[in-house]
Amino acid sequence: MRIGILVAVFCGLLPSFSASSQVLCDPLSYYNTNGQEVVYRHAVPTPWFAVRMSAEWVATVDTAYIGMGVERGPSSGSRPDTLEVRVLGNQLPSVFVLDQFLALVTPNIQGQVPDAMYIIEFIVDSPIAWVGPMEDFYLAWRVRGPSGDIARTLMVKPALEPLRSVVINPNNSTTLATDFMRTQLQLAIPDSVEFKSNTHVCWPNGKPVELTAFTARYADGAAVLEWLTATEVNNSGFSIERLAATSDLGSMRLWQRIGFVTGNGTTTEAQSYAFIDPRPEEAADSEGLVHYRLRQIDYDGTAETFPEVEIRLPISAEFTLDQSYPNPVQATAGSAIVTFNLPTARTARLELFDALGRSLNVVADRNFPAGKHSLDIPVGGLRSGLYFYRLTSSGKTLTRRLTVVE
């Protein structure tokens, strides 16, 4: 058990830092910074309070920030309170301590311990708290001290992620902080609170990819995916995955790999990427939603999946024919993609013509259900020039141009 003196920051958290300037470090914060601060009071000793946190990669926990204060009793004298801090593995109700620290909460010259964000630095010797890739861990703490002292725990409402803030019971099970503190804080049924606490972690082996943005938009019949990275380590590339439209059977979700974008290996410079899905309608659900996600893959095969994004396709009740993609299209590409919409189930015929109006290929002539559809128009073997494709259905005809280049 390490023993130290606690340092308080009254105006916010310290800037991000690390023991080595070559090691990437980040804060992990799971409370609503825009919420209302409230205080929960509990006679010392308090139970163990805890916040469940998530590591994206192999990490070390080097600093904890605990929002607290102490109301000193008249008989406390010079005896200090103590703040015991632990980093626990995600194994509750079994307790696995990754690291721990016992800090003396020394009162100021007025004999008080004011409310503040108190800093506990773990990286002062070894062993340190190592957290495995994609693992959760708990930052846990409790206050002990003279009889009559009252610990003040800084809370925030409404909670940003209410399921992360818990109280550890004597049998090491957990109770949501919101439920534990509901009566004293006079919380209504929909209200929630969370601890004003966080950690600072470092990535000694580097983060494989630090994704700063991932967006999707619908444009000209295609889904355009764009993402940015701040740093990359051994990044082979990104697998682009799309959720199959008919996969929601209970909890089952079936993802389809629809492409791969090569990464930039190891770099500390920002990088931008893009991918175009020309057939999003193949995976659209009944509301026109299409879901995408990125799976980043290292050279050694290690993979990390990032949160998904979605687009909404326009649902049309009209008979429409979109411009082919790509246009112009290279003959070596083999085909161009044509998307059309049918307001009702019906027979549709798609046919390709040359510039003189001669039919070259009947791409499809069959029944289609209502909605959007995509078909490939073969262009392999065609010479450079202007062509036309025509969609005919229920007595209506739509025609668009297709340019082929060699």
Protein backbone atom coordinates (compact mmCIF):
# COMPACT_ATOMS: atom_id res chain seq x y z
CA MET A 1 0.00 0.00 0.00
CA ARG A 2 1.45 3.33 -1.04
CA ILE A 3 1.02 6.35 1.23
CA GLY A 4 1.11 9.88 -0.09
CA ILE A 5 -0.14 13.42 0.37
CA LEU A 6 -3.15 14.49 -1.68
CA VAL A 7 -3.01 17.45 -4.05
CA ALA A 8 -6.16 19.40 -4.92
CA VAL A 9 -6.99 21.26 -8.11
CA PHE A 10 -9.74 23.83 -7.55
CA CYS A 11 -10.10 25.16 -11.08
CA GLY A 12 -10.32 21.99 -13.09
CA LEU A 13 -8.08 19.14 -14.14
CA LEU A 14 -4.40 19.44 -14.89
CA PRO A 15 -3.26 19.24 -18.53
CA SER A 16 -2.54 15.81 -19.98
CA PHE A 17 0.99 14.60 -19.18
CA SER A 18 3.04 11.43 -18.93
CA ALA A 19 6.22 10.19 -17.31
CA SER A 20 7.81 9.93 -20.77
CA SER A 21 7.19 12.42 -23.55
CA GLN A 22 7.29 9.50 -26.01
CA VAL A 23 4.30 7.75 -24.46
CA LEU A 24 0.78 8.67 -25.57
CA CYS A 25 -1.56 9.52 -22.71
CA ASP A 26 -5.23 10.48 -22.51
CA PRO A 27 -7.87 11.26 -19.87
CA LEU A 28 -10.77 8.83 -19.46
CA SER A 29 -13.81 10.80 -18.34
CA TYR A 30 -17.32 9.43 -17.84
CA TYR A 31 -19.28 12.25 -16.26
CA ASN A 32 -21.41 15.03 -17.67
CA THR A 33 -19.20 18.13 -17.63
CA ASN A 34 -22.23 20.29 -18.45
CA GLY A 35 -24.39 18.84 -15.67
CA GLN A 36 -25.36 20.26 -12.31
CA GLU A 37 -22.97 19.51 -9.44
CA VAL A 38 -24.55 18.07 -6.29
CA VAL A 39 -22.96 16.74 -3.11
CA TYR A 40 -23.65 13.43 -1.40
CA ARG A 41 -22.74 13.38 2.32
CA HIS A 42 -21.79 10.18 4.14
CA ALA A 43 -20.29 9.62 7.58
CA VAL A 44 -16.80 8.12 7.49
CA PRO A 45 -15.92 5.41 6.80
CA THR A 46 -17.74 5.49 3.50
CA PRO A 47 -18.48 2.48 1.33
CA TRP A 48 -16.37 1.94 -1.76
CA PHE A 49 -17.50 4.22 -4.59
CA ALA A 50 -16.47 3.20 -8.12
CA VAL A 51 -16.62 4.19 -11.78
CA ARG A 52 -16.31 1.53 -14.48
CA MET A 53 -13.95 2.69 -17.22
CA SER A 54 -12.90 1.24 -20.58
CA ALA A 55 -9.42 0.90 -22.06
CA GLU A 56 -9.14 0.93 -25.84
CA TRP A 57 -5.75 -0.78 -25.85
CA VAL A 58 -2.99 -1.95 -23.50
CA ALA A 59 -2.87 0.89 -20.95
CA THR A 60 -1.41 1.88 -17.61
CA VAL A 61 -3.42 3.93 -15.13
CA ASP A 62 -1.09 6.64 -13.88
CA THR A 63 -3.42 9.24 -12.32
CA ALA A 64 -6.85 9.38 -10.70
CA TYR A 65 -8.98 12.47 -10.10
CA ILE A 66 -11.54 12.21 -7.28
CA GLY A 67 -14.18 14.89 -6.66
CA MET A 68 -14.58 15.14 -2.89
CA GLY A 69 -14.25 17.10 0.32
CA VAL A 70 -14.55 16.47 4.08
CA GLU A 71 -16.58 18.22 6.77
CA ARG A 72 -14.30 17.94 9.81
CA GLY A 73 -15.92 17.14 13.15
CA PRO A 74 -15.24 19.22 16.30
CA SER A 75 -13.32 16.34 17.91
CA SER A 76 -11.14 15.44 14.91
CA GLY A 77 -8.20 17.50 16.11
CA SER A 78 -5.05 17.01 14.04
CA ARG A 79 -5.92 13.47 12.98
CA PRO A 80 -6.19 13.43 9.16
CA ASP A 81 -8.71 11.57 7.08
CA THR A 82 -7.47 9.10 4.48
CA LEU A 83 -8.51 8.46 0.91
CA GLU A 84 -7.95 4.88 -0.19
CA VAL A 85 -7.92 4.45 -3.97
CA ARG A 86 -7.87 1.21 -5.95
CA VAL A 87 -7.80 0.23 -9.60
CA LEU A 88 -9.82 -2.98 -9.82
CA GLY A 89 -10.10 -5.50 -12.63
CA ASN A 90 -13.54 -5.98 -14.14
CA GLN A 91 -14.24 -9.12 -12.09
CA LEU A 92 -16.68 -8.02 -9.39
CA PRO A 93 -17.93 -9.55 -7.12
CA SER A 94 -14.41 -11.08 -7.07
CA VAL A 95 -11.93 -8.34 -6.17
CA PHE A 96 -8.74 -8.19 -8.21
CA VAL A 97 -6.61 -5.18 -7.25
CA LEU A 98 -4.44 -3.88 -10.09
CA ASP A 99 -3.02 -1.04 -8.01
CA GLN A 100 -3.84 0.85 -4.83
CA PHE A 101 -2.86 4.02 -3.02
CA LEU A 102 -3.54 5.40 0.46
CA ALA A 103 -3.49 9.20 0.58
CA LEU A 104 -3.58 11.42 3.66
CA VAL A 105 -6.30 14.05 3.35
CA THR A 106 -4.62 16.81 5.33
CA PRO A 107 -6.85 19.76 6.38
CA ASN A 108 -5.86 23.29 5.45
CA ILE A 109 -4.92 26.07 7.85
CA GLN A 110 -8.60 26.61 8.66
CA GLY A 111 -8.89 22.96 9.58
CA GLN A 112 -11.05 22.16 6.54
CA VAL A 113 -10.84 19.85 3.52
CA PRO A 114 -12.67 21.88 0.83
CA ASP A 115 -14.50 20.39 -2.13
CA ALA A 116 -12.12 19.92 -5.07
CA MET A 117 -10.81 17.50 -7.66
CA TYR A 118 -8.05 15.67 -5.78
CA ILE A 119 -5.17 14.11 -7.70
CA ILE A 120 -3.68 10.69 -6.97
CA GLU A 121 -0.59 9.86 -9.03
CA PHE A 122 0.06 6.12 -9.38
CA ILE A 123 3.22 6.12 -11.47
CA VAL A 124 5.80 6.62 -8.73
CA ASP A 125 7.17 3.07 -8.59
CA SER A 126 6.24 -0.40 -9.82
CA PRO A 127 4.14 -2.43 -10.14
CA ILE A 128 1.63 -0.21 -11.91
CA ALA A 129 -1.93 -0.88 -13.00
CA TRP A 130 -1.81 -2.59 -16.39
CA VAL A 131 -5.09 -2.93 -18.24
CA GLY A 132 -5.44 -5.31 -21.18
CA PRO A 133 -6.77 -4.34 -24.61
CA MET A 134 -10.52 -3.63 -24.77
CA GLU A 135 -10.87 -4.33 -21.03
CA ASP A 136 -12.98 -2.49 -18.47
CA PHE A 137 -11.64 -1.63 -15.04
CA TYR A 138 -12.95 0.17 -11.95
CA LEU A 139 -11.58 3.29 -10.33
CA ALA A 140 -12.68 2.77 -6.70
CA TRP A 141 -12.19 4.85 -3.56
CA ARG A 142 -13.39 5.31 0.01
CA VAL A 143 -12.80 7.86 2.79
CA ARG A 144 -11.87 6.87 6.34
CA GLY A 145 -11.15 9.08 9.31
CA PRO A 146 -12.05 10.26 12.80
CA SER A 147 -15.55 9.61 14.08
CA GLY A 148 -17.77 12.61 13.40
CA ASP A 149 -16.19 13.53 10.05
CA ILE A 150 -18.47 13.64 7.01
CA ALA A 151 -17.17 12.79 3.55
CA ARG A 152 -18.53 14.93 0.73
CA THR A 153 -18.72 13.16 -2.64
CA LEU A 154 -19.10 15.39 -5.68
CA MET A 155 -21.80 14.16 -8.05
CA VAL A 156 -23.17 15.41 -11.36
CA LYS A 157 -26.73 15.20 -12.66
CA PRO A 158 -28.09 14.21 -15.07
CA ALA A 159 -25.65 11.38 -15.62
CA LEU A 160 -23.96 11.04 -18.98
CA GLU A 161 -23.52 7.28 -18.47
CA PRO A 162 -25.47 6.37 -15.30
CA LEU A 163 -24.61 2.64 -15.40
CA ARG A 164 -20.89 3.33 -14.87
CA SER A 165 -21.13 4.94 -11.40
CA VAL A 166 -21.72 2.36 -8.69
CA VAL A 167 -21.36 1.70 -4.96
CA ILE A 168 -19.60 -1.54 -4.04
CA ASN A 169 -21.56 -3.42 -1.39
CA PRO A 170 -19.96 -5.44 1.48
CA ASN A 171 -20.41 -8.65 -0.56
CA ASN A 172 -18.67 -6.91 -3.51
CA SER A 173 -21.84 -6.74 -5.59
CA THR A 174 -22.71 -3.29 -6.92
CA THR A 175 -25.61 -0.85 -6.63
CA LEU A 176 -26.09 2.03 -9.04
CA ALA A 177 -25.02 5.29 -7.45
CA THR A 178 -28.31 6.84 -8.56
CA ASP A 179 -30.31 4.27 -6.56
CA PHE A 180 -27.97 4.41 -3.55
CA MET A 181 -28.16 8.19 -3.25
CA ARG A 182 -31.69 8.79 -4.47
CA THR A 183 -33.26 9.67 -1.11
CA GLN A 184 -30.63 12.11 0.17
CA LEU A 185 -30.30 13.90 -3.17
CA GLN A 186 -34.11 13.91 -3.62
CA LEU A 187 -33.93 12.45 -7.11
CA ALA A 188 -37.08 12.00 -9.13
CA ILE A 189 -37.66 8.73 -10.99
CA PRO A 190 -36.10 9.88 -14.30
CA ASP A 191 -33.14 11.61 -12.56
CA SER A 192 -29.65 10.12 -12.50
CA VAL A 193 -26.29 11.03 -10.96
CA GLU A 194 -22.69 10.01 -11.50
CA PHE A 195 -19.37 10.57 -9.74
CA LYS A 196 -17.29 13.59 -10.68
CA SER A 197 -14.14 11.52 -11.09
CA ASN A 198 -11.90 10.28 -13.87
CA THR A 199 -8.52 8.78 -14.65
CA HIS A 200 -5.51 9.51 -16.79
CA VAL A 201 -4.07 6.55 -18.69
CA CYS A 202 -1.01 6.04 -20.88
CA TRP A 203 -0.53 3.71 -23.84
CA PRO A 204 3.04 2.36 -23.41
CA ASN A 205 2.83 0.30 -26.61
CA GLY A 206 1.11 3.11 -28.50
CA LYS A 207 -2.50 3.20 -29.66
CA PRO A 208 -2.99 1.29 -32.90
CA VAL A 209 -5.25 4.04 -34.25
CA GLU A 210 -6.60 7.16 -32.60
CA LEU A 211 -9.82 7.86 -34.51
CA THR A 212 -10.96 11.47 -34.26
CA ALA A 213 -13.98 11.43 -36.61
CA PHE A 214 -16.12 8.94 -38.54
CA THR A 215 -19.06 10.19 -40.59
CA ALA A 216 -21.43 8.88 -43.26
CA ARG A 217 -23.63 10.77 -45.71
CA TYR A 218 -25.88 9.95 -48.65
CA ALA A 219 -25.00 11.58 -51.98
CA ASP A 220 -26.07 10.79 -55.54
CA GLY A 221 -27.35 7.34 -54.68
CA ALA A 222 -24.21 6.31 -52.78
CA ALA A 223 -23.04 6.26 -49.15
CA VAL A 224 -19.90 8.33 -48.59
CA LEU A 225 -17.89 7.29 -45.51
CA GLU A 226 -15.14 9.58 -44.24
CA TRP A 227 -12.89 9.30 -41.18
CA LEU A 228 -9.85 10.97 -39.62
CA THR A 229 -7.06 9.64 -37.42
CA ALA A 230 -4.71 11.59 -35.16
CA THR A 231 -2.07 8.86 -34.77
CA GLU A 232 -1.50 5.34 -36.09
CA VAL A 233 0.72 2.48 -34.92
CA ASN A 234 1.29 -0.57 -37.16
CA ASN A 235 -1.96 0.16 -38.96
CA SER A 236 -2.48 -2.24 -41.86
CA GLY A 237 -5.82 -0.68 -42.73
CA PHE A 238 -9.56 -0.53 -42.22
CA SER A 239 -12.16 -3.15 -43.06
CA ILE A 240 -15.44 -1.43 -43.95
CA GLU A 241 -18.44 -3.36 -42.68
CA ARG A 242 -22.16 -2.90 -43.35
CA LEU A 243 -25.02 -4.30 -41.29
CA ALA A 244 -27.17 -6.71 -43.29
CA ALA A 245 -30.74 -5.45 -43.56
CA THR A 246 -32.39 -8.75 -42.64
CA SER A 247 -30.08 -9.73 -39.80
CA ASP A 248 -32.03 -8.54 -36.76
CA LEU A 249 -33.19 -11.86 -35.31
CA GLY A 250 -33.32 -11.29 -31.56
CA SER A 251 -29.82 -10.17 -30.58
CA MET A 252 -28.20 -11.41 -33.79
CA ARG A 253 -26.53 -8.80 -35.99
CA LEU A 254 -24.84 -9.87 -39.20
CA TRP A 255 -22.15 -7.58 -40.59
CA GLN A 256 -20.87 -7.79 -44.17
CA ARG A 257 -17.37 -6.76 -45.21
CA ILE A 258 -17.81 -4.53 -48.28
CA GLY A 259 -14.33 -3.08 -48.70
CA PHE A 260 -10.85 -2.39 -47.32
CA VAL A 261 -8.83 0.84 -47.17
CA THR A 262 -5.07 0.61 -46.64
CA GLY A 263 -3.70 2.40 -43.55
CA ASN A 264 -0.53 4.47 -43.12
CA GLY A 265 1.43 2.12 -40.89
CA THR A 266 2.91 4.17 -38.06
CA THR A 267 2.49 7.94 -38.07
CA THR A 268 1.92 10.77 -35.63
CA GLU A 269 0.43 13.01 -38.32
CA ALA A 270 -3.30 13.34 -38.94
CA GLN A 271 -4.63 11.21 -41.80
CA SER A 272 -7.91 11.33 -43.72
CA TYR A 273 -9.70 8.41 -45.39
CA ALA A 274 -12.81 7.89 -47.50
CA PHE A 275 -14.83 5.02 -48.93
CA ILE A 276 -17.88 5.02 -51.22
CA ASP A 277 -20.55 2.35 -51.01
CA PRO A 278 -22.39 2.57 -54.35
CA ARG A 279 -25.18 0.22 -53.22
CA PRO A 280 -26.42 1.25 -49.78
CA GLU A 281 -29.99 0.27 -50.69
CA GLU A 282 -28.98 -3.41 -50.53
CA ALA A 283 -28.76 -3.10 -46.73
CA ALA A 284 -31.47 -0.52 -46.02
CA ASP A 285 -34.10 -1.49 -43.47
CA SER A 286 -37.80 -0.65 -43.72
CA GLU A 287 -37.09 2.94 -42.59
CA GLY A 288 -34.28 3.42 -45.09
CA LEU A 289 -31.50 3.22 -42.46
CA VAL A 290 -28.12 1.72 -43.38
CA HIS A 291 -25.47 1.07 -40.69
CA TYR A 292 -21.68 1.06 -41.15
CA ARG A 293 -18.67 0.48 -38.93
CA LEU A 294 -14.87 0.38 -39.22
CA ARG A 295 -12.70 -2.52 -38.12
CA GLN A 296 -9.08 -1.38 -37.84
CA ILE A 297 -6.51 -4.16 -38.39
CA ASP A 298 -2.83 -4.18 -37.33
CA TYR A 299 -0.06 -5.88 -39.30
CA ASP A 300 -0.10 -8.71 -36.73
CA GLY A 301 -3.84 -9.28 -37.24
CA THR A 302 -4.95 -7.56 -34.03
CA ALA A 303 -8.23 -5.74 -34.67
CA GLU A 304 -10.30 -3.01 -33.04
CA THR A 305 -13.90 -2.19 -33.97
CA PHE A 306 -15.10 1.41 -33.81
CA PRO A 307 -18.67 2.58 -33.08
CA GLU A 308 -21.08 2.49 -35.99
CA VAL A 309 -22.60 5.33 -38.02
CA GLU A 310 -25.71 5.37 -40.16
CA ILE A 311 -27.32 7.07 -43.14
CA ARG A 312 -30.98 7.33 -44.08
CA LEU A 313 -31.93 6.72 -47.70
CA PRO A 314 -34.68 8.86 -49.20
CA ILE A 315 -37.82 6.73 -49.56
CA SER A 316 -39.52 7.64 -52.81
CA ALA A 317 -42.97 6.70 -54.09
CA GLU A 318 -41.94 7.64 -57.63
CA PHE A 319 -40.62 5.80 -60.65
CA THR A 320 -37.00 7.03 -60.87
CA LEU A 321 -33.74 6.13 -62.57
CA ASP A 322 -30.43 7.39 -61.13
CA GLN A 323 -27.25 8.26 -62.94
CA SER A 324 -24.92 5.27 -63.28
CA TYR A 325 -21.87 5.01 -61.03
CA PRO A 326 -19.13 5.63 -61.84
CA ASN A 327 -19.69 7.88 -64.83
CA PRO A 328 -17.59 7.91 -66.90
CA VAL A 329 -16.68 4.29 -66.33
CA GLN A 330 -13.53 2.55 -67.52
CA ALA A 331 -14.11 -0.51 -69.69
CA THR A 332 -11.56 -2.37 -67.57
CA ALA A 333 -13.81 -1.86 -64.52
CA GLY A 334 -16.15 -4.48 -65.96
CA SER A 335 -19.45 -2.83 -65.08
CA ALA A 336 -21.29 0.29 -63.99
CA ILE A 337 -23.96 0.33 -61.29
CA VAL A 338 -27.45 1.62 -62.00
CA THR A 339 -29.99 2.33 -59.26
CA PHE A 340 -33.73 2.79 -59.82
CA ASN A 341 -36.88 3.01 -57.72
CA LEU A 342 -40.25 1.36 -58.27
CA PRO A 343 -43.29 2.70 -56.37
CA THR A 344 -45.03 -0.70 -56.50
CA ALA A 345 -44.08 -4.28 -57.30
CA ARG A 346 -43.97 -4.63 -61.08
CA THR A 347 -42.03 -5.85 -64.13
CA ALA A 348 -39.10 -3.68 -65.19
CA ARG A 349 -36.77 -3.92 -68.19
CA LEU A 350 -33.28 -2.37 -68.22
CA GLU A 351 -31.56 -2.26 -71.61
CA LEU A 352 -28.26 -0.82 -72.92
CA PHE A 353 -28.00 0.91 -76.33
CA ASP A 354 -25.16 2.37 -78.36
CA ALA A 355 -25.13 5.93 -79.72
CA LEU A 356 -27.04 4.81 -82.84
CA GLY A 357 -29.88 3.34 -80.80
CA ARG A 358 -28.94 -0.30 -81.36
CA SER A 359 -29.68 -2.63 -78.45
CA LEU A 360 -26.51 -4.13 -77.01
CA ASN A 361 -27.67 -5.89 -73.85
CA VAL A 362 -30.90 -6.57 -71.96
CA VAL A 363 -29.57 -6.29 -68.42
CA ALA A 364 -32.82 -7.35 -66.73
CA ASP A 365 -36.43 -8.03 -67.68
CA ARG A 366 -38.32 -9.44 -64.70
CA ASN A 367 -40.52 -8.72 -61.69
CA PHE A 368 -39.14 -6.50 -58.91
CA PRO A 369 -40.63 -5.64 -55.51
CA ALA A 370 -41.37 -2.02 -54.63
CA GLY A 371 -38.40 0.10 -53.54
CA LYS A 372 -34.85 0.82 -54.63
CA HIS A 373 -32.82 -1.65 -56.69
CA SER A 374 -29.31 -1.78 -58.13
CA LEU A 375 -28.11 -3.62 -61.22
CA ASP A 376 -24.74 -4.00 -62.94
CA ILE A 377 -24.47 -2.95 -66.58
CA PRO A 378 -21.55 -4.87 -68.15
CA VAL A 379 -19.12 -2.56 -69.99
CA GLY A 380 -16.19 -4.94 -70.53
CA GLY A 381 -15.26 -5.05 -74.20
CA LEU A 382 -17.07 -1.79 -75.05
CA ARG A 383 -15.10 0.87 -76.90
CA SER A 384 -14.80 4.44 -75.65
CA GLY A 385 -17.88 6.46 -76.42
CA LEU A 386 -21.40 7.47 -75.46
CA TYR A 387 -24.07 4.87 -74.63
CA PHE A 388 -27.62 4.97 -73.28
CA TYR A 389 -29.46 2.80 -70.79
CA ARG A 390 -33.26 2.68 -70.69
CA LEU A 391 -35.63 1.55 -67.93
CA THR A 392 -39.16 0.59 -68.97
CA SER A 393 -41.98 -0.34 -66.57
CA SER A 394 -45.79 -0.09 -66.64
CA GLY A 395 -45.79 1.92 -69.87
CA LYS A 396 -43.23 4.46 -68.62
CA THR A 397 -39.67 4.88 -69.90
CA LEU A 398 -36.64 6.63 -68.41
CA THR A 399 -33.31 7.02 -70.22
CA ARG A 400 -29.85 8.21 -69.10
CA ARG A 401 -26.41 8.48 -70.67
CA LEU A 402 -23.42 6.27 -69.88
CA THR A 403 -19.89 7.26 -70.94
CA VAL A 404 -17.26 4.54 -71.38
CA VAL A 405 -13.53 5.24 -71.54
CA GLU A 406 -10.75 2.78 -72.33
